[in-house]
């Protein structure tokens, strides 16, 4: 959050921020993810981000928890299953290939527009 606070000038250039409504309690049940999830303090991040957005008049959109942001091709819209261990998104429909998280970020941007 300190990094976010130090970068608030960049955020002011945007009228909308989109994040996912992550099921943190469900993620904690996965022993492989539990320690990383517990360390990041998602609830506190979300709380402070909400406060900052309200303070600066930025719209905060929270994407539905079941929106498959990492499973939709940001190029053609095709949806396919993506196991968590796969870090590169490769669309079986159009051949588009990119980082899984980058693909999800584009889809979250498109979630609003």
PDB file of N, CA and C in Angstrom:
ATOM      1  N   UNK A   1       0.827  -1.189   0.000  1.00  0.00           N
ATOM      2  CA  UNK A   1       0.000   0.000   0.000  1.00  0.00           C
ATOM      3  C   UNK A   1       0.873   1.254   0.000  1.00  0.00           C
ATOM      4  N   UNK A   2       2.050   1.171   0.621  1.00  0.00           N
ATOM      5  CA  UNK A   2       2.931   2.336   0.603  1.00  0.00           C
ATOM      6  C   UNK A   2       3.321   2.688  -0.825  1.00  0.00           C
ATOM      7  N   UNK A   3       3.550   1.665  -1.642  1.00  0.00           N
ATOM      8  CA  UNK A   3       3.867   1.908  -3.051  1.00  0.00           C
ATOM      9  C   UNK A   3       2.691   2.585  -3.736  1.00  0.00           C
ATOM     10  N   UNK A   4       1.480   2.107  -3.455  1.00  0.00           N
ATOM     11  CA  UNK A   4       0.272   2.707  -4.044  1.00  0.00           C
ATOM     12  C   UNK A   4       0.175   4.165  -3.618  1.00  0.00           C
ATOM     13  N   UNK A   5       0.391   4.430  -2.336  1.00  0.00           N
ATOM     14  CA  UNK A   5       0.323   5.808  -1.851  1.00  0.00           C
ATOM     15  C   UNK A   5       1.351   6.689  -2.549  1.00  0.00           C
ATOM     16  N   UNK A   6       2.548   6.155  -2.758  1.00  0.00           N
ATOM     17  CA  UNK A   6       3.585   6.955  -3.403  1.00  0.00           C
ATOM     18  C   UNK A   6       3.306   7.164  -4.888  1.00  0.00           C
ATOM     19  N   UNK A   7       2.454   6.340  -5.454  1.00  0.00           N
ATOM     20  CA  UNK A   7       2.131   6.431  -6.876  1.00  0.00           C
ATOM     21  C   UNK A   7       0.775   7.085  -7.122  1.00  0.00           C
ATOM     22  N   UNK A   8       0.184   7.718  -6.091  1.00  0.00           N
ATOM     23  CA  UNK A   8      -1.181   8.239  -6.250  1.00  0.00           C
ATOM     24  C   UNK A   8      -1.283   9.275  -7.361  1.00  0.00           C
ATOM     25  N   UNK A   9      -0.198   9.960  -7.672  1.00  0.00           N
ATOM     26  CA  UNK A   9      -0.221  10.915  -8.781  1.00  0.00           C
ATOM     27  C   UNK A   9      -0.541  10.236 -10.098  1.00  0.00           C
ATOM     28  N   UNK A  10      -0.006   9.050 -10.279  1.00  0.00           N
ATOM     29  CA  UNK A  10      -0.308   8.279 -11.492  1.00  0.00           C
ATOM     30  C   UNK A  10      -1.778   7.881 -11.521  1.00  0.00           C
ATOM     31  N   UNK A  11      -2.299   7.467 -10.386  1.00  0.00           N
ATOM     32  CA  UNK A  11      -3.697   7.032 -10.326  1.00  0.00           C
ATOM     33  C   UNK A  11      -4.648   8.184 -10.613  1.00  0.00           C
ATOM     34  N   UNK A  12      -4.243   9.398 -10.276  1.00  0.00           N
ATOM     35  CA  UNK A  12      -5.112  10.550 -10.516  1.00  0.00           C
ATOM     36  C   UNK A  12      -5.331  10.806 -11.997  1.00  0.00           C
ATOM     37  N   UNK A  13      -4.485  10.239 -12.841  1.00  0.00           N
ATOM     38  CA  UNK A  13      -4.658  10.376 -14.283  1.00  0.00           C
ATOM     39  C   UNK A  13      -5.750   9.465 -14.824  1.00  0.00           C
ATOM     40  N   UNK A  14      -6.296   8.620 -13.976  1.00  0.00           N
ATOM     41  CA  UNK A  14      -7.320   7.669 -14.391  1.00  0.00           C
ATOM     42  C   UNK A  14      -8.616   7.966 -13.654  1.00  0.00           C
ATOM     43  N   UNK A  15      -9.724   7.833 -14.347  1.00  0.00           N
ATOM     44  CA  UNK A  15     -11.012   8.108 -13.716  1.00  0.00           C
ATOM     45  C   UNK A  15     -11.617   6.862 -13.096  1.00  0.00           C
ATOM     46  N   UNK A  16     -11.088   5.690 -13.445  1.00  0.00           N
ATOM     47  CA  UNK A  16     -11.640   4.426 -12.957  1.00  0.00           C
ATOM     48  C   UNK A  16     -10.517   3.439 -12.662  1.00  0.00           C
ATOM     49  N   UNK A  17     -10.667   2.710 -11.563  1.00  0.00           N
ATOM     50  CA  UNK A  17      -9.771   1.610 -11.219  1.00  0.00           C
ATOM     51  C   UNK A  17     -10.640   0.373 -11.060  1.00  0.00           C
ATOM     52  N   UNK A  18     -10.195  -0.744 -11.641  1.00  0.00           N
ATOM     53  CA  UNK A  18     -10.950  -1.998 -11.562  1.00  0.00           C
ATOM     54  C   UNK A  18     -10.105  -3.044 -10.846  1.00  0.00           C
ATOM     55  N   UNK A  19     -10.701  -3.700  -9.844  1.00  0.00           N
ATOM     56  CA  UNK A  19     -10.050  -4.822  -9.170  1.00  0.00           C
ATOM     57  C   UNK A  19     -11.039  -5.978  -9.109  1.00  0.00           C
ATOM     58  N   UNK A  20     -10.517  -7.155  -8.859  1.00  0.00           N
ATOM     59  CA  UNK A  20     -11.373  -8.331  -8.728  1.00  0.00           C
ATOM     60  C   UNK A  20     -11.811  -8.495  -7.278  1.00  0.00           C
ATOM     61  N   UNK A  21     -13.016  -9.005  -7.090  1.00  0.00           N
ATOM     62  CA  UNK A  21     -13.516  -9.344  -5.761  1.00  0.00           C
ATOM     63  C   UNK A  21     -13.038 -10.759  -5.450  1.00  0.00           C
ATOM     64  N   UNK A  22     -11.819 -10.866  -4.975  1.00  0.00           N
ATOM     65  CA  UNK A  22     -11.220 -12.178  -4.748  1.00  0.00           C
ATOM     66  C   UNK A  22     -11.832 -12.874  -3.540  1.00  0.00           C
ATOM     67  N   UNK A  23     -12.018 -14.173  -3.649  1.00  0.00           N
ATOM     68  CA  UNK A  23     -12.511 -14.995  -2.551  1.00  0.00           C
ATOM     69  C   UNK A  23     -11.306 -15.408  -1.703  1.00  0.00           C
ATOM     70  N   UNK A  24     -10.875 -14.500  -0.855  1.00  0.00           N
ATOM     71  CA  UNK A  24      -9.655 -14.713  -0.084  1.00  0.00           C
ATOM     72  C   UNK A  24      -9.795 -15.903   0.855  1.00  0.00           C
ATOM     73  N   UNK A  25     -10.928 -16.037   1.528  1.00  0.00           N
ATOM     74  CA  UNK A  25     -11.093 -17.164   2.457  1.00  0.00           C
ATOM     75  C   UNK A  25     -11.019 -18.494   1.713  1.00  0.00           C
ATOM     76  N   UNK A  26     -11.563 -18.548   0.507  1.00  0.00           N
ATOM     77  CA  UNK A  26     -11.470 -19.762  -0.301  1.00  0.00           C
ATOM     78  C   UNK A  26     -10.049 -20.025  -0.756  1.00  0.00           C
ATOM     79  N   UNK A  27      -9.314 -18.960  -1.070  1.00  0.00           N
ATOM     80  CA  UNK A  27      -7.929 -19.106  -1.518  1.00  0.00           C
ATOM     81  C   UNK A  27      -7.032 -19.585  -0.378  1.00  0.00           C
ATOM     82  N   UNK A  28      -7.373 -19.213   0.857  1.00  0.00           N
ATOM     83  CA  UNK A  28      -6.575 -19.632   2.003  1.00  0.00           C
ATOM     84  C   UNK A  28      -6.664 -21.135   2.239  1.00  0.00           C
ATOM     85  N   UNK A  29      -7.710 -21.770   1.716  1.00  0.00           N
ATOM     86  CA  UNK A  29      -7.865 -23.223   1.863  1.00  0.00           C
ATOM     87  C   UNK A  29      -6.895 -23.987   0.970  1.00  0.00           C
ATOM     88  N   UNK A  30      -6.354 -23.318  -0.043  1.00  0.00           N
ATOM     89  CA  UNK A  30      -5.354 -23.928  -0.914  1.00  0.00           C
ATOM     90  C   UNK A  30      -3.996 -23.765  -0.229  1.00  0.00           C
ATOM     91  N   UNK A  31      -3.451 -24.858   0.273  1.00  0.00           N
ATOM     92  CA  UNK A  31      -2.214 -24.799   1.061  1.00  0.00           C
ATOM     93  C   UNK A  31      -1.031 -24.239   0.275  1.00  0.00           C
ATOM     94  N   UNK A  32      -1.063 -24.369  -1.038  1.00  0.00           N
ATOM     95  CA  UNK A  32       0.032 -23.836  -1.851  1.00  0.00           C
ATOM     96  C   UNK A  32      -0.019 -22.309  -1.929  1.00  0.00           C
ATOM     97  N   UNK A  33      -1.231 -21.739  -1.812  1.00  0.00           N
ATOM     98  CA  UNK A  33      -1.393 -20.289  -1.919  1.00  0.00           C
ATOM     99  C   UNK A  33      -1.511 -19.592  -0.568  1.00  0.00           C
ATOM    100  N   UNK A  34      -1.848 -20.340   0.474  1.00  0.00           N
ATOM    101  CA  UNK A  34      -2.253 -19.758   1.755  1.00  0.00           C
ATOM    102  C   UNK A  34      -1.271 -18.740   2.321  1.00  0.00           C
ATOM    103  N   UNK A  35       0.004 -19.078   2.383  1.00  0.00           N
ATOM    104  CA  UNK A  35       0.949 -18.149   3.015  1.00  0.00           C
ATOM    105  C   UNK A  35       1.113 -16.872   2.203  1.00  0.00           C
ATOM    106  N   UNK A  36       1.149 -16.983   0.889  1.00  0.00           N
ATOM    107  CA  UNK A  36       1.287 -15.790   0.045  1.00  0.00           C
ATOM    108  C   UNK A  36       0.056 -14.901   0.153  1.00  0.00           C
ATOM    109  N   UNK A  37      -1.120 -15.505   0.184  1.00  0.00           N
ATOM    110  CA  UNK A  37      -2.371 -14.746   0.278  1.00  0.00           C
ATOM    111  C   UNK A  37      -2.473 -14.070   1.637  1.00  0.00           C
ATOM    112  N   UNK A  38      -2.165 -14.793   2.701  1.00  0.00           N
ATOM    113  CA  UNK A  38      -2.254 -14.236   4.050  1.00  0.00           C
ATOM    114  C   UNK A  38      -1.288 -13.069   4.223  1.00  0.00           C
ATOM    115  N   UNK A  39      -0.110 -13.162   3.615  1.00  0.00           N
ATOM    116  CA  UNK A  39       0.897 -12.106   3.743  1.00  0.00           C
ATOM    117  C   UNK A  39       0.492 -10.815   3.048  1.00  0.00           C
ATOM    118  N   UNK A  40      -0.259 -10.904   1.963  1.00  0.00           N
ATOM    119  CA  UNK A  40      -0.510  -9.701   1.168  1.00  0.00           C
ATOM    120  C   UNK A  40      -1.607  -8.813   1.750  1.00  0.00           C
ATOM    121  N   UNK A  41      -2.429  -9.296   2.670  1.00  0.00           N
ATOM    122  CA  UNK A  41      -3.431  -8.457   3.309  1.00  0.00           C
ATOM    123  C   UNK A  41      -4.396  -7.817   2.328  1.00  0.00           C
ATOM    124  N   UNK A  42      -5.063  -8.643   1.527  1.00  0.00           N
ATOM    125  CA  UNK A  42      -5.936  -8.119   0.480  1.00  0.00           C
ATOM    126  C   UNK A  42      -7.054  -7.244   1.047  1.00  0.00           C
ATOM    127  N   UNK A  43      -7.621  -7.633   2.187  1.00  0.00           N
ATOM    128  CA  UNK A  43      -8.706  -6.838   2.765  1.00  0.00           C
ATOM    129  C   UNK A  43      -8.224  -5.419   3.063  1.00  0.00           C
ATOM    130  N   UNK A  44      -7.050  -5.301   3.651  1.00  0.00           N
ATOM    131  CA  UNK A  44      -6.515  -3.976   3.992  1.00  0.00           C
ATOM    132  C   UNK A  44      -6.204  -3.177   2.729  1.00  0.00           C
ATOM    133  N   UNK A  45      -5.659  -3.841   1.721  1.00  0.00           N
ATOM    134  CA  UNK A  45      -5.398  -3.185   0.440  1.00  0.00           C
ATOM    135  C   UNK A  45      -6.696  -2.635  -0.146  1.00  0.00           C
ATOM    136  N   UNK A  46      -7.735  -3.459  -0.163  1.00  0.00           N
ATOM    137  CA  UNK A  46      -9.030  -3.056  -0.725  1.00  0.00           C
ATOM    138  C   UNK A  46      -9.631  -1.896   0.077  1.00  0.00           C
ATOM    139  N   UNK A  47      -9.507  -1.957   1.397  1.00  0.00           N
ATOM    140  CA  UNK A  47     -10.044  -0.900   2.259  1.00  0.00           C
ATOM    141  C   UNK A  47      -9.348   0.429   1.979  1.00  0.00           C
ATOM    142  N   UNK A  48      -8.030   0.411   1.906  1.00  0.00           N
ATOM    143  CA  UNK A  48      -7.294   1.648   1.671  1.00  0.00           C
ATOM    144  C   UNK A  48      -7.490   2.167   0.248  1.00  0.00           C
ATOM    145  N   UNK A  49      -7.582   1.252  -0.705  1.00  0.00           N
ATOM    146  CA  UNK A  49      -7.828   1.667  -2.083  1.00  0.00           C
ATOM    147  C   UNK A  49      -9.202   2.323  -2.202  1.00  0.00           C
ATOM    148  N   UNK A  50     -10.194   1.756  -1.536  1.00  0.00           N
ATOM    149  CA  UNK A  50     -11.540   2.342  -1.533  1.00  0.00           C
ATOM    150  C   UNK A  50     -11.498   3.756  -0.963  1.00  0.00           C
ATOM    151  N   UNK A  51     -10.798   3.922   0.153  1.00  0.00           N
ATOM    152  CA  UNK A  51     -10.664   5.233   0.789  1.00  0.00           C
ATOM    153  C   UNK A  51      -9.993   6.237  -0.148  1.00  0.00           C
ATOM    154  N   UNK A  52      -8.878   5.837  -0.756  1.00  0.00           N
ATOM    155  CA  UNK A  52      -8.150   6.743  -1.655  1.00  0.00           C
ATOM    156  C   UNK A  52      -8.994   7.126  -2.870  1.00  0.00           C
ATOM    157  N   UNK A  53      -9.715   6.167  -3.419  1.00  0.00           N
ATOM    158  CA  UNK A  53     -10.562   6.459  -4.580  1.00  0.00           C
ATOM    159  C   UNK A  53     -11.659   7.452  -4.216  1.00  0.00           C
ATOM    160  N   UNK A  54     -12.278   7.255  -3.055  1.00  0.00           N
ATOM    161  CA  UNK A  54     -13.303   8.202  -2.607  1.00  0.00           C
ATOM    162  C   UNK A  54     -12.691   9.585  -2.402  1.00  0.00           C
ATOM    163  N   UNK A  55     -11.515   9.639  -1.805  1.00  0.00           N
ATOM    164  CA  UNK A  55     -10.830  10.895  -1.511  1.00  0.00           C
ATOM    165  C   UNK A  55     -10.525  11.686  -2.784  1.00  0.00           C
ATOM    166  N   UNK A  56     -10.066  10.985  -3.827  1.00  0.00           N
ATOM    167  CA  UNK A  56      -9.667  11.652  -5.062  1.00  0.00           C
ATOM    168  C   UNK A  56     -10.743  11.646  -6.145  1.00  0.00           C
ATOM    169  N   UNK A  57     -11.924  11.130  -5.834  1.00  0.00           N
ATOM    170  CA  UNK A  57     -13.016  11.130  -6.805  1.00  0.00           C
ATOM    171  C   UNK A  57     -12.822  10.153  -7.958  1.00  0.00           C
ATOM    172  N   UNK A  58     -12.147   9.057  -7.685  1.00  0.00           N
ATOM    173  CA  UNK A  58     -11.910   8.031  -8.699  1.00  0.00           C
ATOM    174  C   UNK A  58     -12.927   6.915  -8.497  1.00  0.00           C
ATOM    175  N   UNK A  59     -13.528   6.470  -9.588  1.00  0.00           N
ATOM    176  CA  UNK A  59     -14.493   5.376  -9.501  1.00  0.00           C
ATOM    177  C   UNK A  59     -13.744   4.062  -9.294  1.00  0.00           C
ATOM    178  N   UNK A  60     -14.129   3.319  -8.265  1.00  0.00           N
ATOM    179  CA  UNK A  60     -13.562   1.993  -8.021  1.00  0.00           C
ATOM    180  C   UNK A  60     -14.608   0.962  -8.406  1.00  0.00           C
ATOM    181  N   UNK A  61     -14.285   0.135  -9.386  1.00  0.00           N
ATOM    182  CA  UNK A  61     -15.186  -0.923  -9.831  1.00  0.00           C
ATOM    183  C   UNK A  61     -14.616  -2.241  -9.331  1.00  0.00           C
ATOM    184  N   UNK A  62     -15.459  -3.025  -8.676  1.00  0.00           N
ATOM    185  CA  UNK A  62     -15.042  -4.336  -8.198  1.00  0.00           C
ATOM    186  C   UNK A  62     -15.725  -5.382  -9.065  1.00  0.00           C
ATOM    187  N   UNK A  63     -14.921  -6.056  -9.882  1.00  0.00           N
ATOM    188  CA  UNK A  63     -15.456  -7.055 -10.809  1.00  0.00           C
ATOM    189  C   UNK A  63     -16.011  -8.242 -10.031  1.00  0.00           C
ATOM    190  N   UNK A  64     -17.079  -8.798 -10.536  1.00  0.00           N
ATOM    191  CA  UNK A  64     -17.716  -9.957  -9.921  1.00  0.00           C
ATOM    192  C   UNK A  64     -16.696 -11.065  -9.676  1.00  0.00           C
ATOM    193  N   UNK A  65     -16.789 -11.686  -8.545  1.00  0.00           N
ATOM    194  CA  UNK A  65     -15.855 -12.737  -8.147  1.00  0.00           C
ATOM    195  C   UNK A  65     -15.800 -13.893  -9.146  1.00  0.00           C
ATOM    196  N   UNK A  66     -16.879 -14.103  -9.878  1.00  0.00           N
ATOM    197  CA  UNK A  66     -16.925 -15.221 -10.825  1.00  0.00           C
ATOM    198  C   UNK A  66     -16.622 -14.795 -12.264  1.00  0.00           C
ATOM    199  N   UNK A  67     -16.250 -13.539 -12.466  1.00  0.00           N
ATOM    200  CA  UNK A  67     -15.859 -13.083 -13.800  1.00  0.00           C
ATOM    201  C   UNK A  67     -14.528 -13.750 -14.165  1.00  0.00           C
ATOM    202  N   UNK A  68     -14.480 -14.510 -15.253  1.00  0.00           N
ATOM    203  CA  UNK A  68     -13.278 -15.291 -15.583  1.00  0.00           C
ATOM    204  C   UNK A  68     -12.209 -14.472 -16.308  1.00  0.00           C
ATOM    205  N   UNK A  69     -11.680 -13.452 -15.661  1.00  0.00           N
ATOM    206  CA  UNK A  69     -10.759 -12.515 -16.314  1.00  0.00           C
ATOM    207  C   UNK A  69      -9.524 -13.182 -16.915  1.00  0.00           C
ATOM    208  N   UNK A  70      -9.034 -14.238 -16.295  1.00  0.00           N
ATOM    209  CA  UNK A  70      -7.830 -14.886 -16.823  1.00  0.00           C
ATOM    210  C   UNK A  70      -8.149 -16.003 -17.810  1.00  0.00           C
ATOM    211  N   UNK A  71      -9.434 -16.271 -18.041  1.00  0.00           N
ATOM    212  CA  UNK A  71      -9.823 -17.361 -18.942  1.00  0.00           C
ATOM    213  C   UNK A  71     -10.403 -16.869 -20.263  1.00  0.00           C
ATOM    214  N   UNK A  72     -10.561 -15.559 -20.403  1.00  0.00           N
ATOM    215  CA  UNK A  72     -11.113 -14.971 -21.623  1.00  0.00           C
ATOM    216  C   UNK A  72      -9.967 -14.396 -22.450  1.00  0.00           C
ATOM    217  N   UNK A  73      -9.963 -14.678 -23.733  1.00  0.00           N
ATOM    218  CA  UNK A  73      -8.947 -14.111 -24.620  1.00  0.00           C
ATOM    219  C   UNK A  73      -9.246 -12.623 -24.802  1.00  0.00           C
ATOM    220  N   UNK A  74      -8.300 -11.776 -24.436  1.00  0.00           N
ATOM    221  CA  UNK A  74      -8.505 -10.330 -24.566  1.00  0.00           C
ATOM    222  C   UNK A  74      -8.445  -9.884 -26.021  1.00  0.00           C
ATOM    223  N   UNK A  75      -8.057 -10.770 -26.919  1.00  0.00           N
ATOM    224  CA  UNK A  75      -7.987 -10.455 -28.338  1.00  0.00           C
ATOM    225  C   UNK A  75      -9.289 -10.791 -29.068  1.00  0.00           C
ATOM    226  N   UNK A  76      -9.843 -11.997 -28.828  1.00  0.00           N
ATOM    227  CA  UNK A  76     -11.029 -12.423 -29.590  1.00  0.00           C
ATOM    228  C   UNK A  76     -12.252 -12.727 -28.731  1.00  0.00           C
ATOM    229  N   UNK A  77     -12.090 -12.822 -27.408  1.00  0.00           N
ATOM    230  CA  UNK A  77     -13.223 -13.079 -26.525  1.00  0.00           C
ATOM    231  C   UNK A  77     -13.501 -14.545 -26.248  1.00  0.00           C
ATOM    232  N   UNK A  78     -12.735 -15.440 -26.847  1.00  0.00           N
ATOM    233  CA  UNK A  78     -12.915 -16.880 -26.610  1.00  0.00           C
ATOM    234  C   UNK A  78     -12.599 -17.199 -25.152  1.00  0.00           C
ATOM    235  N   UNK A  79     -13.401 -18.075 -24.544  1.00  0.00           N
ATOM    236  CA  UNK A  79     -13.175 -18.460 -23.153  1.00  0.00           C
ATOM    237  C   UNK A  79     -12.709 -19.908 -23.085  1.00  0.00           C
ATOM    238  N   UNK A  80     -11.668 -20.134 -22.285  1.00  0.00           N
ATOM    239  CA  UNK A  80     -11.144 -21.485 -22.096  1.00  0.00           C
ATOM    240  C   UNK A  80     -10.623 -21.628 -20.678  1.00  0.00           C
ATOM    241  N   UNK A  81     -10.601 -22.837 -20.173  1.00  0.00           N
ATOM    242  CA  UNK A  81     -10.096 -23.106 -18.824  1.00  0.00           C
ATOM    243  C   UNK A  81      -8.593 -22.831 -18.770  1.00  0.00           C
ATOM    244  N   UNK A  82      -8.162 -22.289 -17.636  1.00  0.00           N
ATOM    245  CA  UNK A  82      -6.743 -21.976 -17.433  1.00  0.00           C
ATOM    246  C   UNK A  82      -6.330 -22.418 -16.030  1.00  0.00           C
ATOM    247  N   UNK A  83      -5.666 -23.557 -15.892  1.00  0.00           N
ATOM    248  CA  UNK A  83      -5.176 -23.956 -14.569  1.00  0.00           C
ATOM    249  C   UNK A  83      -4.197 -22.908 -14.032  1.00  0.00           C
ATOM    250  N   UNK A  84      -4.156 -22.748 -12.717  1.00  0.00           N
ATOM    251  CA  UNK A  84      -3.317 -21.713 -12.101  1.00  0.00           C
ATOM    252  C   UNK A  84      -1.830 -21.855 -12.412  1.00  0.00           C
ATOM    253  N   UNK A  85      -1.358 -23.068 -12.643  1.00  0.00           N
ATOM    254  CA  UNK A  85       0.080 -23.243 -12.884  1.00  0.00           C
ATOM    255  C   UNK A  85       0.512 -22.728 -14.261  1.00  0.00           C
ATOM    256  N   UNK A  86      -0.425 -22.512 -15.167  1.00  0.00           N
ATOM    257  CA  UNK A  86      -0.083 -21.970 -16.487  1.00  0.00           C
ATOM    258  C   UNK A  86       0.010 -20.452 -16.393  1.00  0.00           C
ATOM    259  N   UNK A  87       1.173 -19.885 -16.674  1.00  0.00           N
ATOM    260  CA  UNK A  87       1.384 -18.448 -16.530  1.00  0.00           C
ATOM    261  C   UNK A  87       1.292 -17.703 -17.851  1.00  0.00           C
ATOM    262  N   UNK A  88       1.224 -18.423 -18.967  1.00  0.00           N
ATOM    263  CA  UNK A  88       1.080 -17.802 -20.279  1.00  0.00           C
ATOM    264  C   UNK A  88      -0.278 -18.158 -20.849  1.00  0.00           C
ATOM    265  N   UNK A  89      -1.032 -17.140 -21.274  1.00  0.00           N
ATOM    266  CA  UNK A  89      -2.334 -17.381 -21.899  1.00  0.00           C
ATOM    267  C   UNK A  89      -2.107 -17.634 -23.385  1.00  0.00           C
ATOM    268  N   UNK A  90      -2.580 -18.779 -23.868  1.00  0.00           N
ATOM    269  CA  UNK A  90      -2.503 -19.123 -25.291  1.00  0.00           C
ATOM    270  C   UNK A  90      -3.912 -19.452 -25.755  1.00  0.00           C
ATOM    271  N   UNK A  91      -4.467 -18.603 -26.604  1.00  0.00           N
ATOM    272  CA  UNK A  91      -5.833 -18.801 -27.085  1.00  0.00           C
ATOM    273  C   UNK A  91      -5.868 -19.912 -28.132  1.00  0.00           C
ATOM    274  N   UNK A  92      -6.736 -20.873 -27.904  1.00  0.00           N
ATOM    275  CA  UNK A  92      -6.900 -21.985 -28.857  1.00  0.00           C
ATOM    276  C   UNK A  92      -7.683 -21.556 -30.089  1.00  0.00           C
ATOM    277  N   UNK A  93      -8.377 -20.425 -29.992  1.00  0.00           N
ATOM    278  CA  UNK A  93      -9.223 -19.958 -31.093  1.00  0.00           C
ATOM    279  C   UNK A  93      -8.449 -19.097 -32.096  1.00  0.00           C
ATOM    280  N   UNK A  94      -7.763 -18.061 -31.593  1.00  0.00           N
ATOM    281  CA  UNK A  94      -7.106 -17.114 -32.512  1.00  0.00           C
ATOM    282  C   UNK A  94      -5.577 -17.167 -32.461  1.00  0.00           C
ATOM    283  N   UNK A  95      -5.021 -17.921 -31.509  1.00  0.00           N
ATOM    284  CA  UNK A  95      -3.571 -18.044 -31.418  1.00  0.00           C
ATOM    285  C   UNK A  95      -2.886 -16.948 -30.616  1.00  0.00           C
ATOM    286  N   UNK A  96      -3.647 -15.997 -30.084  1.00  0.00           N
ATOM    287  CA  UNK A  96      -3.082 -14.907 -29.283  1.00  0.00           C
ATOM    288  C   UNK A  96      -2.347 -15.486 -28.076  1.00  0.00           C
ATOM    289  N   UNK A  97      -1.181 -14.920 -27.760  1.00  0.00           N
ATOM    290  CA  UNK A  97      -0.378 -15.409 -26.648  1.00  0.00           C
ATOM    291  C   UNK A  97       0.177 -14.229 -25.860  1.00  0.00           C
ATOM    292  N   UNK A  98      -0.003 -14.263 -24.538  1.00  0.00           N
ATOM    293  CA  UNK A  98       0.501 -13.201 -23.674  1.00  0.00           C
ATOM    294  C   UNK A  98       0.577 -13.709 -22.239  1.00  0.00           C
ATOM    295  N   UNK A  99       1.157 -12.911 -21.364  1.00  0.00           N
ATOM    296  CA  UNK A  99       1.211 -13.229 -19.946  1.00  0.00           C
ATOM    297  C   UNK A  99      -0.205 -13.337 -19.383  1.00  0.00           C
ATOM    298  N   UNK A 100      -0.451 -14.328 -18.566  1.00  0.00           N
ATOM    299  CA  UNK A 100      -1.777 -14.580 -17.996  1.00  0.00           C
ATOM    300  C   UNK A 100      -2.314 -13.358 -17.239  1.00  0.00           C
ATOM    301  N   UNK A 101      -1.480 -12.728 -16.412  1.00  0.00           N
ATOM    302  CA  UNK A 101      -1.921 -11.585 -15.617  1.00  0.00           C
ATOM    303  C   UNK A 101      -2.178 -10.358 -16.489  1.00  0.00           C
ATOM    304  N   UNK A 102      -1.364 -10.168 -17.514  1.00  0.00           N
ATOM    305  CA  UNK A 102      -1.579  -9.058 -18.445  1.00  0.00           C
ATOM    306  C   UNK A 102      -2.903  -9.239 -19.177  1.00  0.00           C
ATOM    307  N   UNK A 103      -3.179 -10.462 -19.612  1.00  0.00           N
ATOM    308  CA  UNK A 103      -4.444 -10.777 -20.277  1.00  0.00           C
ATOM    309  C   UNK A 103      -5.623 -10.465 -19.355  1.00  0.00           C
ATOM    310  N   UNK A 104      -5.513 -10.874 -18.088  1.00  0.00           N
ATOM    311  CA  UNK A 104      -6.575 -10.618 -17.115  1.00  0.00           C
ATOM    312  C   UNK A 104      -6.763  -9.116 -16.890  1.00  0.00           C
ATOM    313  N   UNK A 105      -5.660  -8.362 -16.848  1.00  0.00           N
ATOM    314  CA  UNK A 105      -5.745  -6.910 -16.655  1.00  0.00           C
ATOM    315  C   UNK A 105      -6.495  -6.242 -17.806  1.00  0.00           C
ATOM    316  N   UNK A 106      -6.221  -6.678 -19.031  1.00  0.00           N
ATOM    317  CA  UNK A 106      -6.942  -6.128 -20.186  1.00  0.00           C
ATOM    318  C   UNK A 106      -8.428  -6.457 -20.076  1.00  0.00           C
ATOM    319  N   UNK A 107      -8.736  -7.689 -19.677  1.00  0.00           N
ATOM    320  CA  UNK A 107     -10.139  -8.077 -19.528  1.00  0.00           C
ATOM    321  C   UNK A 107     -10.833  -7.289 -18.423  1.00  0.00           C
ATOM    322  N   UNK A 108     -10.123  -6.978 -17.354  1.00  0.00           N
ATOM    323  CA  UNK A 108     -10.714  -6.163 -16.292  1.00  0.00           C
ATOM    324  C   UNK A 108     -10.962  -4.737 -16.777  1.00  0.00           C
ATOM    325  N   UNK A 109     -10.060  -4.217 -17.591  1.00  0.00           N
ATOM    326  CA  UNK A 109     -10.294  -2.896 -18.191  1.00  0.00           C
ATOM    327  C   UNK A 109     -11.553  -2.937 -19.056  1.00  0.00           C
ATOM    328  N   UNK A 110     -11.679  -3.991 -19.845  1.00  0.00           N
ATOM    329  CA  UNK A 110     -12.843  -4.135 -20.724  1.00  0.00           C
ATOM    330  C   UNK A 110     -14.127  -4.437 -19.957  1.00  0.00           C
ATOM    331  N   UNK A 111     -14.013  -4.910 -18.728  1.00  0.00           N
ATOM    332  CA  UNK A 111     -15.164  -5.207 -17.869  1.00  0.00           C
ATOM    333  C   UNK A 111     -16.024  -3.957 -17.671  1.00  0.00           C
ATOM    334  N   UNK A 112     -15.352  -2.822 -17.606  1.00  0.00           N
ATOM    335  CA  UNK A 112     -16.039  -1.548 -17.377  1.00  0.00           C
ATOM    336  C   UNK A 112     -16.558  -0.956 -18.675  1.00  0.00           C
ATOM    337  N   UNK A 113     -15.796  -1.084 -19.753  1.00  0.00           N
ATOM    338  CA  UNK A 113     -16.130  -0.411 -20.998  1.00  0.00           C
ATOM    339  C   UNK A 113     -16.730  -1.362 -21.936  1.00  0.00           C
TER     340      UNK A 113
END
